[in-house]
N, C-alpha and C. Protein backbone atom coordinates (compact mmCIF):
# COMPACT_ATOMS: atom_id res chain seq x y z
N UNK A 1 113.17 114.75 95.52
CA UNK A 1 112.27 114.79 94.38
C UNK A 1 112.08 113.40 93.80
N UNK A 2 110.85 113.01 93.59
CA UNK A 2 110.56 111.72 93.00
C UNK A 2 110.19 111.88 91.52
N UNK A 3 110.87 111.10 90.66
CA UNK A 3 110.61 111.21 89.23
C UNK A 3 109.48 110.32 88.83
N UNK A 4 108.58 110.85 87.98
CA UNK A 4 107.38 110.12 87.57
C UNK A 4 107.60 109.16 86.43
N UNK A 5 108.66 109.34 85.66
CA UNK A 5 108.88 108.44 84.51
C UNK A 5 108.99 106.97 84.97
N UNK A 6 109.46 106.76 86.19
CA UNK A 6 109.66 105.39 86.69
C UNK A 6 108.37 104.59 86.68
N UNK A 7 107.24 105.22 86.98
CA UNK A 7 105.95 104.52 86.96
C UNK A 7 105.61 104.06 85.57
N UNK A 8 105.95 104.88 84.57
CA UNK A 8 105.67 104.47 83.21
C UNK A 8 106.59 103.33 82.75
N UNK A 9 107.86 103.42 83.15
CA UNK A 9 108.79 102.34 82.79
C UNK A 9 108.30 101.04 83.39
N UNK A 10 107.91 101.05 84.66
CA UNK A 10 107.42 99.83 85.33
C UNK A 10 106.18 99.29 84.62
N UNK A 11 105.26 100.22 84.32
CA UNK A 11 104.00 99.79 83.66
C UNK A 11 104.29 99.07 82.33
N UNK A 12 105.05 99.75 81.46
CA UNK A 12 105.33 99.16 80.16
C UNK A 12 106.24 97.96 80.22
N UNK A 13 107.15 97.93 81.21
CA UNK A 13 108.00 96.72 81.37
C UNK A 13 107.12 95.50 81.73
N UNK A 14 106.21 95.73 82.68
CA UNK A 14 105.34 94.62 83.07
C UNK A 14 104.43 94.19 81.93
N UNK A 15 103.90 95.16 81.19
CA UNK A 15 103.06 94.82 80.03
C UNK A 15 103.84 94.04 78.97
N UNK A 16 105.13 94.26 78.90
CA UNK A 16 105.98 93.55 77.95
C UNK A 16 106.41 92.20 78.53
N UNK A 17 106.05 91.90 79.78
CA UNK A 17 106.45 90.65 80.38
C UNK A 17 107.90 90.51 80.70
N UNK A 18 108.58 91.66 80.94
CA UNK A 18 110.00 91.65 81.22
C UNK A 18 110.27 91.85 82.73
N UNK A 19 111.33 91.26 83.22
CA UNK A 19 111.80 91.56 84.56
C UNK A 19 112.66 92.79 84.45
N UNK A 20 113.02 93.35 85.57
CA UNK A 20 113.98 94.45 85.58
C UNK A 20 115.30 94.03 84.98
N UNK A 21 115.72 92.85 85.35
CA UNK A 21 117.01 92.36 84.82
C UNK A 21 116.98 92.16 83.28
N UNK A 22 115.86 91.66 82.77
CA UNK A 22 115.77 91.49 81.32
C UNK A 22 115.79 92.82 80.60
N UNK A 23 115.06 93.82 81.13
CA UNK A 23 115.08 95.15 80.53
C UNK A 23 116.50 95.71 80.58
N UNK A 24 117.14 95.58 81.74
CA UNK A 24 118.51 96.09 81.92
C UNK A 24 119.41 95.48 80.84
N UNK A 25 119.32 94.16 80.66
CA UNK A 25 120.17 93.47 79.67
C UNK A 25 119.92 94.03 78.28
N UNK A 26 118.65 94.27 77.93
CA UNK A 26 118.30 94.74 76.57
C UNK A 26 118.86 96.14 76.31
N UNK A 27 118.99 96.94 77.35
CA UNK A 27 119.49 98.34 77.10
C UNK A 27 120.86 98.60 77.67
N UNK A 28 121.53 97.49 78.06
CA UNK A 28 122.92 97.56 78.52
C UNK A 28 123.16 98.46 79.69
N UNK A 29 122.28 98.31 80.72
CA UNK A 29 122.49 99.00 82.00
C UNK A 29 122.38 97.95 83.10
N UNK A 30 122.63 98.36 84.31
CA UNK A 30 122.49 97.41 85.44
C UNK A 30 121.05 97.33 85.88
N UNK A 31 120.70 96.22 86.52
CA UNK A 31 119.36 96.04 87.06
C UNK A 31 119.09 97.14 88.13
N UNK A 32 120.09 97.51 88.88
CA UNK A 32 119.88 98.54 89.92
C UNK A 32 119.50 99.90 89.29
N UNK A 33 120.00 100.22 88.10
CA UNK A 33 119.58 101.44 87.48
C UNK A 33 118.10 101.42 87.10
N UNK A 34 117.65 100.29 86.56
CA UNK A 34 116.22 100.14 86.23
C UNK A 34 115.42 100.24 87.48
N UNK A 35 115.85 99.58 88.55
CA UNK A 35 115.14 99.66 89.81
C UNK A 35 115.06 101.08 90.33
N UNK A 36 116.15 101.81 90.31
CA UNK A 36 116.17 103.19 90.75
C UNK A 36 115.22 104.06 89.92
N UNK A 37 115.15 103.82 88.62
CA UNK A 37 114.21 104.59 87.80
C UNK A 37 112.79 104.33 88.25
N UNK A 38 112.48 103.01 88.40
CA UNK A 38 111.12 102.65 88.74
C UNK A 38 110.70 103.12 90.13
N UNK A 39 111.66 103.25 91.02
CA UNK A 39 111.37 103.75 92.36
C UNK A 39 111.30 105.26 92.42
N UNK A 40 111.68 105.90 91.33
CA UNK A 40 111.65 107.37 91.27
C UNK A 40 112.85 108.01 91.93
N UNK A 41 113.89 107.21 92.22
CA UNK A 41 115.07 107.75 92.86
C UNK A 41 115.86 108.64 91.91
N UNK A 42 115.93 108.21 90.67
CA UNK A 42 116.52 109.05 89.61
C UNK A 42 115.84 108.70 88.31
N UNK A 43 116.26 109.32 87.24
CA UNK A 43 115.60 109.07 85.94
C UNK A 43 116.67 108.74 84.91
N UNK A 44 116.22 108.09 83.84
CA UNK A 44 117.21 107.74 82.78
C UNK A 44 117.72 108.98 82.08
N UNK A 45 118.95 108.92 81.66
CA UNK A 45 119.50 110.02 80.85
C UNK A 45 118.78 110.09 79.54
N UNK A 46 118.73 111.29 78.97
CA UNK A 46 118.03 111.51 77.73
C UNK A 46 118.50 110.57 76.61
N UNK A 47 119.80 110.30 76.59
CA UNK A 47 120.32 109.50 75.52
C UNK A 47 119.96 108.00 75.57
N UNK A 48 119.37 107.59 76.66
CA UNK A 48 118.97 106.16 76.80
C UNK A 48 117.45 105.99 76.63
N UNK A 49 116.71 107.03 76.57
CA UNK A 49 115.24 106.97 76.43
C UNK A 49 114.88 106.18 75.20
N UNK A 50 115.56 106.42 74.08
CA UNK A 50 115.27 105.69 72.84
C UNK A 50 115.44 104.20 73.01
N UNK A 51 116.50 103.81 73.69
CA UNK A 51 116.73 102.34 73.94
C UNK A 51 115.61 101.78 74.79
N UNK A 52 115.20 102.48 75.78
CA UNK A 52 114.08 102.02 76.64
C UNK A 52 112.82 101.85 75.81
N UNK A 53 112.52 102.83 75.00
CA UNK A 53 111.31 102.78 74.16
C UNK A 53 111.35 101.57 73.21
N UNK A 54 112.51 101.32 72.58
CA UNK A 54 112.61 100.20 71.67
C UNK A 54 112.49 98.88 72.45
N UNK A 55 113.09 98.77 73.58
CA UNK A 55 113.04 97.54 74.35
C UNK A 55 111.63 97.24 74.87
N UNK A 56 110.89 98.31 75.12
CA UNK A 56 109.50 98.14 75.65
C UNK A 56 108.46 98.25 74.54
N UNK A 57 108.91 98.52 73.31
CA UNK A 57 108.00 98.67 72.19
C UNK A 57 106.95 99.75 72.47
N UNK A 58 107.39 100.91 72.92
CA UNK A 58 106.48 102.02 73.26
C UNK A 58 107.11 103.30 72.65
N UNK A 59 106.25 104.21 72.32
CA UNK A 59 106.70 105.48 71.76
C UNK A 59 107.27 106.41 72.86
N UNK A 60 108.21 107.26 72.48
CA UNK A 60 108.68 108.25 73.47
C UNK A 60 107.55 109.12 74.01
N UNK A 61 106.59 109.42 73.17
CA UNK A 61 105.45 110.21 73.61
C UNK A 61 104.68 109.54 74.74
N UNK A 62 104.51 108.22 74.63
CA UNK A 62 103.80 107.47 75.65
C UNK A 62 104.64 107.38 76.90
N UNK A 63 105.91 107.08 76.74
CA UNK A 63 106.77 106.94 77.92
C UNK A 63 106.95 108.23 78.69
N UNK A 64 107.11 109.32 77.95
CA UNK A 64 107.31 110.62 78.59
C UNK A 64 106.02 111.40 78.84
N UNK A 65 104.90 110.84 78.33
CA UNK A 65 103.59 111.48 78.44
C UNK A 65 103.61 112.90 77.86
N UNK A 66 104.16 112.94 76.65
CA UNK A 66 104.26 114.19 75.89
C UNK A 66 103.49 114.03 74.59
N UNK A 67 102.66 114.95 74.31
CA UNK A 67 101.89 114.91 73.09
C UNK A 67 102.16 116.13 72.21
N UNK A 68 102.39 115.82 70.96
CA UNK A 68 102.57 116.92 69.98
C UNK A 68 101.22 117.26 69.40
N UNK A 69 100.93 118.53 69.24
CA UNK A 69 99.69 118.89 68.62
C UNK A 69 99.92 118.88 67.10
N UNK A 70 98.81 118.80 66.37
CA UNK A 70 98.92 118.69 64.90
C UNK A 70 99.70 119.86 64.29
N UNK A 71 99.58 121.04 64.89
CA UNK A 71 100.21 122.21 64.32
C UNK A 71 101.73 122.23 64.57
N UNK A 72 102.28 121.31 65.32
CA UNK A 72 103.72 121.30 65.58
C UNK A 72 104.48 120.59 64.42
N UNK A 73 103.82 119.77 63.67
CA UNK A 73 104.44 119.07 62.56
C UNK A 73 103.76 119.43 61.25
N UNK A 74 104.57 119.74 60.20
CA UNK A 74 103.94 120.03 58.95
C UNK A 74 103.66 118.68 58.27
N UNK A 75 102.96 118.78 57.11
CA UNK A 75 102.55 117.55 56.39
C UNK A 75 103.75 116.72 55.98
N UNK A 76 104.79 117.37 55.48
CA UNK A 76 106.00 116.63 55.06
C UNK A 76 106.61 115.89 56.25
N UNK A 77 106.73 116.58 57.41
CA UNK A 77 107.31 115.95 58.56
C UNK A 77 106.50 114.73 59.03
N UNK A 78 105.20 114.83 58.96
CA UNK A 78 104.33 113.69 59.31
C UNK A 78 104.54 112.52 58.34
N UNK A 79 104.71 112.79 57.06
CA UNK A 79 104.96 111.75 56.08
C UNK A 79 106.32 111.07 56.35
N UNK A 80 107.32 111.90 56.69
CA UNK A 80 108.65 111.32 56.96
C UNK A 80 108.58 110.40 58.17
N UNK A 81 107.93 110.83 59.21
CA UNK A 81 107.79 110.03 60.41
C UNK A 81 107.04 108.71 60.11
N UNK A 82 105.97 108.84 59.39
CA UNK A 82 105.16 107.63 59.04
C UNK A 82 106.03 106.67 58.23
N UNK A 83 106.71 107.19 57.23
CA UNK A 83 107.59 106.32 56.40
C UNK A 83 108.69 105.68 57.22
N UNK A 84 109.31 106.43 58.15
CA UNK A 84 110.36 105.92 58.99
C UNK A 84 109.83 104.74 59.83
N UNK A 85 108.66 104.92 60.40
CA UNK A 85 108.07 103.85 61.26
C UNK A 85 107.71 102.61 60.48
N UNK A 86 107.33 102.72 59.22
CA UNK A 86 106.90 101.56 58.45
C UNK A 86 108.04 100.86 57.69
N UNK A 87 109.17 101.51 57.55
CA UNK A 87 110.28 100.92 56.78
C UNK A 87 111.43 100.59 57.75
N UNK A 88 111.22 99.50 58.51
CA UNK A 88 112.18 99.08 59.49
C UNK A 88 113.58 98.83 58.93
N UNK A 89 113.63 98.32 57.69
CA UNK A 89 114.90 98.01 57.08
C UNK A 89 115.76 99.25 56.77
N UNK A 90 115.10 100.42 56.71
CA UNK A 90 115.84 101.67 56.36
C UNK A 90 116.17 102.51 57.62
N UNK A 91 115.59 102.16 58.76
CA UNK A 91 115.76 102.95 59.96
C UNK A 91 117.22 103.13 60.37
N UNK A 92 117.98 102.05 60.32
CA UNK A 92 119.40 102.17 60.69
C UNK A 92 120.13 103.13 59.77
N UNK A 93 119.88 103.05 58.48
CA UNK A 93 120.53 103.94 57.53
C UNK A 93 120.16 105.40 57.80
N UNK A 94 118.89 105.64 58.07
CA UNK A 94 118.44 106.99 58.36
C UNK A 94 119.07 107.52 59.63
N UNK A 95 119.17 106.65 60.65
CA UNK A 95 119.79 107.02 61.92
C UNK A 95 121.24 107.43 61.69
N UNK A 96 121.95 106.64 60.85
CA UNK A 96 123.35 106.99 60.57
C UNK A 96 123.43 108.32 59.86
N UNK A 97 122.62 108.51 58.87
CA UNK A 97 122.64 109.79 58.11
C UNK A 97 122.35 110.98 59.03
N UNK A 98 121.46 110.80 60.01
CA UNK A 98 121.11 111.88 60.93
C UNK A 98 122.04 111.99 62.12
N UNK A 99 122.95 111.05 62.24
CA UNK A 99 123.88 111.06 63.37
C UNK A 99 123.28 110.65 64.70
N UNK A 100 122.25 109.78 64.60
CA UNK A 100 121.58 109.31 65.79
C UNK A 100 122.28 108.02 66.25
N UNK A 101 122.80 108.03 67.46
CA UNK A 101 123.53 106.89 67.99
C UNK A 101 122.64 106.13 68.92
N UNK A 102 122.28 104.89 68.53
CA UNK A 102 121.37 104.03 69.36
C UNK A 102 122.11 103.30 70.42
N UNK A 103 123.41 103.27 70.38
CA UNK A 103 124.20 102.56 71.39
C UNK A 103 125.19 103.47 72.09
N UNK A 104 124.65 104.44 72.84
CA UNK A 104 125.58 105.35 73.52
C UNK A 104 126.37 104.61 74.63
N UNK A 105 127.53 105.07 74.87
CA UNK A 105 128.32 104.53 75.95
C UNK A 105 127.91 105.18 77.24
N UNK A 106 128.04 104.41 78.28
CA UNK A 106 127.62 104.94 79.62
C UNK A 106 128.78 105.63 80.26
């Protein structure tokens, strides 16, 4: 089975002007793991997707090609997401409160 996420990782990595090694360094994995993802040999674990998105400056929706419809989020949830995205200085505190670990161990 060939995984399609690798094509997206390669596309966004190249758009970001990064080598496989540079991306690997940013997300604390080996270059061979990035290479394997891009070749479709395997796919990144769910807990590392966030790191990839941050390193490539791309949304998880774009990387995973998943779209939420308007009816999946209520108005309050949309406001929370918008505020989170615009207040970079508070993101770490929110992540801690929600128990979101951005530096998972491999």
